[in-house]
């Protein structure tokens, strides 16, 4: 059984600017009474559910962080199984006192969550 290697990083806080932008967009949508298209700006992210980890995928490796990424929310126990070291990194991370900035996320580079899940059954993933 071959190992499947991929690169990425863990994050446990959000950028204050991104959090504020999402808050403003959601407020405008609430006042308008409908979801809006924010093109060319990114759509506001949904709130992360309790006991979930957000996995961002950037399928093309080597590109700048400004390239389009997409995300999926998965249960935290599954994330810990897929991404060895997530629990240890969480214990080492310094938290933030602002709840709106707290968020557990995995950023994949050069692959997607679907590829990781597909290869999980045929090999052991190494992050």
N, C-alpha and C. Protein backbone atom coordinates (compact mmCIF):
# COMPACT_ATOMS: atom_id res chain seq x y z
N UNK A 1 0.85 -1.18 0.00
CA UNK A 1 0.00 0.00 0.00
C UNK A 1 0.90 1.24 0.00
N UNK A 2 0.80 2.08 -1.01
CA UNK A 2 1.65 3.26 -1.15
C UNK A 2 1.08 4.44 -0.38
N UNK A 3 1.99 5.30 0.08
CA UNK A 3 1.56 6.52 0.76
C UNK A 3 1.19 7.58 -0.26
N UNK A 4 0.22 8.39 0.07
CA UNK A 4 -0.23 9.49 -0.78
C UNK A 4 0.19 10.78 -0.09
N UNK A 5 1.11 11.53 -0.71
CA UNK A 5 1.64 12.75 -0.11
C UNK A 5 0.97 13.97 -0.72
N UNK A 6 0.69 14.95 0.12
CA UNK A 6 0.16 16.23 -0.34
C UNK A 6 0.60 17.29 0.64
N UNK A 7 0.55 18.53 0.20
CA UNK A 7 1.02 19.61 1.07
C UNK A 7 -0.15 20.50 1.47
N UNK A 8 0.06 21.19 2.56
CA UNK A 8 -0.96 22.09 3.06
C UNK A 8 -0.53 22.70 4.37
N UNK A 9 -1.44 23.41 5.00
CA UNK A 9 -1.14 24.04 6.28
C UNK A 9 -2.41 24.10 7.12
N UNK A 10 -2.23 24.29 8.42
CA UNK A 10 -3.34 24.42 9.35
C UNK A 10 -3.48 25.88 9.76
N UNK A 11 -4.70 26.29 10.07
CA UNK A 11 -4.96 27.63 10.57
C UNK A 11 -6.06 27.54 11.63
N UNK A 12 -5.92 28.36 12.68
CA UNK A 12 -6.91 28.32 13.74
C UNK A 12 -7.55 29.68 14.00
N UNK A 13 -7.22 30.67 13.17
CA UNK A 13 -7.85 31.98 13.26
C UNK A 13 -8.13 32.50 11.85
N UNK A 14 -9.09 33.38 11.75
CA UNK A 14 -9.41 34.04 10.49
C UNK A 14 -8.75 35.39 10.44
N UNK A 15 -8.56 35.89 9.25
CA UNK A 15 -8.09 37.25 9.07
C UNK A 15 -9.19 38.21 9.52
N UNK A 16 -8.86 39.22 10.33
CA UNK A 16 -9.89 40.19 10.75
C UNK A 16 -10.55 40.89 9.57
N UNK A 17 -9.78 41.16 8.53
CA UNK A 17 -10.33 41.84 7.35
C UNK A 17 -11.37 40.95 6.67
N UNK A 18 -11.04 39.68 6.49
CA UNK A 18 -11.98 38.75 5.86
C UNK A 18 -13.23 38.59 6.70
N UNK A 19 -13.07 38.47 8.01
CA UNK A 19 -14.23 38.32 8.90
C UNK A 19 -15.14 39.55 8.81
N UNK A 20 -14.55 40.75 8.77
CA UNK A 20 -15.32 41.98 8.68
C UNK A 20 -16.04 42.08 7.33
N UNK A 21 -15.33 41.73 6.25
CA UNK A 21 -15.96 41.76 4.93
C UNK A 21 -17.15 40.81 4.87
N UNK A 22 -16.99 39.60 5.40
CA UNK A 22 -18.10 38.64 5.40
C UNK A 22 -19.27 39.14 6.22
N UNK A 23 -18.98 39.75 7.37
CA UNK A 23 -20.03 40.30 8.22
C UNK A 23 -20.81 41.39 7.47
N UNK A 24 -20.09 42.28 6.80
CA UNK A 24 -20.75 43.35 6.04
C UNK A 24 -21.60 42.78 4.90
N UNK A 25 -21.09 41.80 4.18
CA UNK A 25 -21.85 41.20 3.08
C UNK A 25 -23.10 40.50 3.59
N UNK A 26 -22.96 39.74 4.68
CA UNK A 26 -24.14 39.05 5.23
C UNK A 26 -25.17 40.05 5.74
N UNK A 27 -24.72 41.18 6.30
CA UNK A 27 -25.64 42.22 6.78
C UNK A 27 -26.42 42.82 5.61
N UNK A 28 -25.73 43.12 4.51
CA UNK A 28 -26.39 43.66 3.32
C UNK A 28 -27.41 42.65 2.79
N UNK A 29 -27.04 41.36 2.75
CA UNK A 29 -27.97 40.34 2.28
C UNK A 29 -29.18 40.22 3.21
N UNK A 30 -28.96 40.36 4.51
CA UNK A 30 -30.07 40.32 5.46
C UNK A 30 -31.02 41.49 5.23
N UNK A 31 -30.47 42.68 5.02
CA UNK A 31 -31.30 43.86 4.77
C UNK A 31 -32.04 43.76 3.43
N UNK A 32 -31.36 43.16 2.44
CA UNK A 32 -31.99 43.00 1.12
C UNK A 32 -33.01 41.86 1.11
N UNK A 33 -32.88 40.95 2.05
CA UNK A 33 -33.80 39.83 2.13
C UNK A 33 -33.52 38.72 1.14
N UNK A 34 -32.32 38.68 0.58
CA UNK A 34 -31.96 37.65 -0.39
C UNK A 34 -30.45 37.51 -0.46
N UNK A 35 -29.99 36.36 -0.97
CA UNK A 35 -28.56 36.19 -1.23
C UNK A 35 -28.22 36.98 -2.49
N UNK A 36 -27.08 37.64 -2.47
CA UNK A 36 -26.66 38.45 -3.60
C UNK A 36 -25.45 37.84 -4.28
N UNK A 37 -25.25 38.19 -5.52
CA UNK A 37 -24.02 37.82 -6.23
C UNK A 37 -22.99 38.91 -5.95
N UNK A 38 -21.85 38.52 -5.43
CA UNK A 38 -20.81 39.48 -5.07
C UNK A 38 -19.71 39.57 -6.11
N UNK A 39 -19.91 38.97 -7.27
CA UNK A 39 -18.90 38.98 -8.31
C UNK A 39 -18.49 40.42 -8.62
N UNK A 40 -17.22 40.72 -8.76
CA UNK A 40 -16.03 39.86 -8.77
C UNK A 40 -15.46 39.58 -7.37
N UNK A 41 -16.13 40.02 -6.34
CA UNK A 41 -15.67 39.73 -4.98
C UNK A 41 -16.06 38.31 -4.60
N UNK A 42 -15.33 37.69 -3.66
CA UNK A 42 -15.73 36.36 -3.21
C UNK A 42 -17.02 36.40 -2.41
N UNK A 43 -17.78 35.32 -2.49
CA UNK A 43 -19.00 35.20 -1.70
C UNK A 43 -18.65 35.16 -0.22
N UNK A 44 -19.52 35.64 0.65
CA UNK A 44 -19.25 35.53 2.09
C UNK A 44 -19.30 34.06 2.50
N UNK A 45 -18.40 33.67 3.39
CA UNK A 45 -18.38 32.29 3.85
C UNK A 45 -19.48 32.06 4.88
N UNK A 46 -20.04 30.87 4.84
CA UNK A 46 -21.02 30.47 5.84
C UNK A 46 -20.31 30.29 7.18
N UNK A 47 -21.06 30.40 8.27
CA UNK A 47 -20.50 30.16 9.59
C UNK A 47 -20.11 28.68 9.69
N UNK A 48 -19.00 28.42 10.34
CA UNK A 48 -18.54 27.05 10.54
C UNK A 48 -19.34 26.42 11.68
N UNK A 49 -19.89 25.24 11.42
CA UNK A 49 -20.68 24.55 12.44
C UNK A 49 -19.77 24.03 13.56
N UNK A 50 -20.34 23.82 14.72
CA UNK A 50 -19.62 23.29 15.87
C UNK A 50 -19.11 21.89 15.54
N UNK A 51 -17.90 21.58 15.99
CA UNK A 51 -17.25 20.28 15.79
C UNK A 51 -17.00 19.96 14.32
N UNK A 52 -16.77 21.00 13.53
CA UNK A 52 -16.42 20.83 12.12
C UNK A 52 -15.11 21.55 11.83
N UNK A 53 -14.44 21.10 10.81
CA UNK A 53 -13.21 21.72 10.33
C UNK A 53 -13.42 22.09 8.87
N UNK A 54 -13.03 23.28 8.50
CA UNK A 54 -13.16 23.75 7.12
C UNK A 54 -11.90 23.35 6.36
N UNK A 55 -12.10 22.72 5.20
CA UNK A 55 -10.98 22.30 4.36
C UNK A 55 -11.05 23.11 3.07
N UNK A 56 -10.03 23.95 2.86
CA UNK A 56 -9.92 24.75 1.65
C UNK A 56 -9.08 23.98 0.64
N UNK A 57 -9.52 23.96 -0.60
CA UNK A 57 -8.79 23.27 -1.65
C UNK A 57 -8.35 24.26 -2.71
N UNK A 58 -7.08 24.15 -3.08
CA UNK A 58 -6.55 24.93 -4.20
C UNK A 58 -5.92 23.89 -5.13
N UNK A 59 -6.68 23.44 -6.14
CA UNK A 59 -6.25 22.30 -6.92
C UNK A 59 -4.94 22.47 -7.68
N UNK A 60 -4.58 23.67 -8.05
CA UNK A 60 -3.36 23.87 -8.82
C UNK A 60 -2.24 24.35 -7.90
N UNK A 61 -1.21 23.54 -7.77
CA UNK A 61 -0.10 23.88 -6.87
C UNK A 61 0.75 24.99 -7.48
N UNK A 62 1.42 25.72 -6.61
CA UNK A 62 2.37 26.73 -7.05
C UNK A 62 1.76 28.05 -7.46
N UNK A 63 0.47 28.19 -7.33
CA UNK A 63 -0.18 29.43 -7.71
C UNK A 63 -0.31 30.34 -6.49
N UNK A 64 -0.53 31.58 -6.71
CA UNK A 64 -0.63 32.53 -5.60
C UNK A 64 -1.88 32.27 -4.77
N UNK A 65 -1.89 32.78 -3.55
CA UNK A 65 -3.04 32.61 -2.65
C UNK A 65 -4.25 33.39 -3.15
N UNK A 66 -4.08 34.27 -4.15
CA UNK A 66 -5.19 35.05 -4.68
C UNK A 66 -6.04 34.21 -5.64
N UNK A 67 -5.54 33.02 -6.04
CA UNK A 67 -6.31 32.18 -6.95
C UNK A 67 -7.54 31.64 -6.25
N UNK A 68 -8.50 31.29 -7.03
CA UNK A 68 -9.78 30.79 -6.52
C UNK A 68 -9.58 29.51 -5.71
N UNK A 69 -10.07 29.50 -4.52
CA UNK A 69 -10.11 28.29 -3.71
C UNK A 69 -11.56 28.02 -3.35
N UNK A 70 -11.85 26.82 -2.96
CA UNK A 70 -13.19 26.49 -2.50
C UNK A 70 -13.06 25.68 -1.23
N UNK A 71 -14.15 25.55 -0.50
CA UNK A 71 -14.05 24.87 0.79
C UNK A 71 -15.20 23.90 1.03
N UNK A 72 -14.94 22.95 1.90
CA UNK A 72 -15.94 22.01 2.39
C UNK A 72 -15.79 21.94 3.90
N UNK A 73 -16.88 21.75 4.61
CA UNK A 73 -16.84 21.55 6.05
C UNK A 73 -17.04 20.07 6.34
N UNK A 74 -16.12 19.51 7.13
CA UNK A 74 -16.20 18.09 7.47
C UNK A 74 -16.14 17.96 8.99
N UNK A 75 -16.65 16.86 9.54
CA UNK A 75 -16.57 16.66 10.99
C UNK A 75 -15.11 16.63 11.45
N UNK A 76 -14.84 17.24 12.59
CA UNK A 76 -13.47 17.32 13.10
C UNK A 76 -12.83 15.95 13.29
N UNK A 77 -13.55 14.92 13.79
CA UNK A 77 -12.90 13.61 13.90
C UNK A 77 -12.39 13.07 12.56
N UNK A 78 -13.16 13.29 11.49
CA UNK A 78 -12.71 12.87 10.16
C UNK A 78 -11.48 13.67 9.74
N UNK A 79 -11.48 14.97 10.01
CA UNK A 79 -10.32 15.81 9.66
C UNK A 79 -9.07 15.33 10.40
N UNK A 80 -9.21 14.97 11.67
CA UNK A 80 -8.05 14.47 12.43
C UNK A 80 -7.55 13.16 11.87
N UNK A 81 -8.46 12.33 11.35
CA UNK A 81 -8.06 11.06 10.74
C UNK A 81 -7.33 11.30 9.41
N UNK A 82 -7.83 12.25 8.62
CA UNK A 82 -7.24 12.52 7.30
C UNK A 82 -5.92 13.28 7.39
N UNK A 83 -5.84 14.23 8.32
CA UNK A 83 -4.70 15.13 8.40
C UNK A 83 -3.97 14.91 9.72
N UNK A 84 -3.03 13.98 9.67
CA UNK A 84 -2.26 13.66 10.87
C UNK A 84 -1.54 14.91 11.34
N UNK A 85 -1.58 15.16 12.59
CA UNK A 85 -0.93 16.34 13.14
C UNK A 85 -1.88 17.49 13.42
N UNK A 86 -3.12 17.39 12.98
CA UNK A 86 -4.09 18.46 13.20
C UNK A 86 -4.34 18.66 14.70
N UNK A 87 -4.56 17.57 15.43
CA UNK A 87 -4.83 17.68 16.87
C UNK A 87 -3.63 18.26 17.60
N UNK A 88 -2.42 17.82 17.24
CA UNK A 88 -1.22 18.35 17.89
C UNK A 88 -1.03 19.83 17.57
N UNK A 89 -1.28 20.22 16.33
CA UNK A 89 -1.15 21.63 15.94
C UNK A 89 -2.17 22.48 16.68
N UNK A 90 -3.38 21.95 16.88
CA UNK A 90 -4.40 22.68 17.62
C UNK A 90 -3.95 22.95 19.05
N UNK A 91 -3.32 21.96 19.67
CA UNK A 91 -2.86 22.11 21.05
C UNK A 91 -1.73 23.13 21.17
N UNK A 92 -0.93 23.29 20.11
CA UNK A 92 0.18 24.23 20.12
C UNK A 92 -0.23 25.64 19.71
N UNK A 93 -1.37 25.76 19.03
CA UNK A 93 -1.80 27.06 18.50
C UNK A 93 -2.22 28.00 19.62
N UNK A 94 -1.87 29.26 19.43
CA UNK A 94 -2.35 30.28 20.35
C UNK A 94 -3.70 30.76 19.86
N UNK A 95 -4.67 30.78 20.73
CA UNK A 95 -6.02 31.15 20.35
C UNK A 95 -6.22 32.65 20.30
N UNK A 96 -7.40 33.04 19.92
CA UNK A 96 -7.79 34.44 19.90
C UNK A 96 -8.99 34.60 20.81
N UNK A 97 -9.11 35.74 21.43
CA UNK A 97 -10.25 35.94 22.33
C UNK A 97 -11.51 36.36 21.58
N UNK A 98 -11.39 36.73 20.32
CA UNK A 98 -12.55 37.14 19.55
C UNK A 98 -13.16 35.92 18.86
N UNK A 99 -14.38 35.58 19.25
CA UNK A 99 -15.04 34.39 18.73
C UNK A 99 -15.17 34.41 17.21
N UNK A 100 -15.44 35.58 16.65
CA UNK A 100 -15.64 35.70 15.20
C UNK A 100 -14.37 35.33 14.41
N UNK A 101 -13.21 35.40 15.06
CA UNK A 101 -11.96 35.10 14.36
C UNK A 101 -11.52 33.66 14.56
N UNK A 102 -12.17 32.93 15.46
CA UNK A 102 -11.79 31.53 15.71
C UNK A 102 -12.36 30.65 14.61
N UNK A 103 -11.50 29.82 14.07
CA UNK A 103 -11.95 28.88 13.05
C UNK A 103 -10.83 27.89 12.79
N UNK A 104 -11.17 26.63 12.74
CA UNK A 104 -10.19 25.60 12.44
C UNK A 104 -10.27 25.31 10.95
N UNK A 105 -9.13 25.39 10.29
CA UNK A 105 -9.13 25.18 8.84
C UNK A 105 -7.87 24.46 8.40
N UNK A 106 -8.02 23.71 7.32
CA UNK A 106 -6.91 23.05 6.66
C UNK A 106 -6.87 23.60 5.25
N UNK A 107 -5.71 24.05 4.81
CA UNK A 107 -5.53 24.57 3.46
C UNK A 107 -4.73 23.55 2.65
N UNK A 108 -5.37 22.94 1.66
CA UNK A 108 -4.72 21.98 0.79
C UNK A 108 -4.14 22.70 -0.42
N UNK A 109 -2.97 22.28 -0.83
CA UNK A 109 -2.32 22.88 -2.00
C UNK A 109 -2.06 21.79 -3.03
N UNK A 110 -2.55 22.01 -4.24
CA UNK A 110 -2.30 21.08 -5.32
C UNK A 110 -3.19 19.84 -5.31
N UNK A 111 -4.20 19.83 -4.47
CA UNK A 111 -5.14 18.72 -4.44
C UNK A 111 -6.48 19.20 -3.91
N UNK A 112 -7.42 18.31 -3.86
CA UNK A 112 -8.75 18.64 -3.34
C UNK A 112 -9.12 17.64 -2.26
N UNK A 113 -10.12 17.98 -1.49
CA UNK A 113 -10.60 17.07 -0.45
C UNK A 113 -11.10 15.76 -1.07
N UNK A 114 -11.75 15.84 -2.22
CA UNK A 114 -12.26 14.62 -2.87
C UNK A 114 -11.11 13.68 -3.22
N UNK A 115 -9.99 14.20 -3.69
CA UNK A 115 -8.84 13.34 -4.01
C UNK A 115 -8.27 12.70 -2.74
N UNK A 116 -8.21 13.48 -1.67
CA UNK A 116 -7.72 12.93 -0.41
C UNK A 116 -8.63 11.81 0.07
N UNK A 117 -9.95 12.02 -0.01
CA UNK A 117 -10.89 10.99 0.41
C UNK A 117 -10.82 9.76 -0.49
N UNK A 118 -10.68 9.97 -1.79
CA UNK A 118 -10.59 8.85 -2.73
C UNK A 118 -9.34 8.02 -2.46
N UNK A 119 -8.21 8.69 -2.23
CA UNK A 119 -6.96 7.98 -1.99
C UNK A 119 -6.88 7.40 -0.59
N UNK A 120 -7.73 7.85 0.30
CA UNK A 120 -7.75 7.34 1.68
C UNK A 120 -8.06 5.86 1.71
N UNK A 121 -8.96 5.42 0.83
CA UNK A 121 -9.36 4.01 0.84
C UNK A 121 -8.29 3.12 0.22
N UNK A 122 -7.44 3.65 -0.66
CA UNK A 122 -6.45 2.81 -1.34
C UNK A 122 -5.04 2.96 -0.78
N UNK A 123 -4.81 3.97 0.06
CA UNK A 123 -3.46 4.18 0.61
C UNK A 123 -3.57 4.97 1.89
N UNK A 124 -2.44 5.14 2.54
CA UNK A 124 -2.42 5.98 3.73
C UNK A 124 -1.95 7.38 3.35
N UNK A 125 -2.70 8.39 3.74
CA UNK A 125 -2.37 9.78 3.39
C UNK A 125 -1.32 10.30 4.35
N UNK A 126 -0.39 11.07 3.82
CA UNK A 126 0.65 11.70 4.64
C UNK A 126 0.62 13.18 4.37
N UNK A 127 0.41 13.96 5.40
CA UNK A 127 0.28 15.42 5.29
C UNK A 127 1.51 16.07 5.85
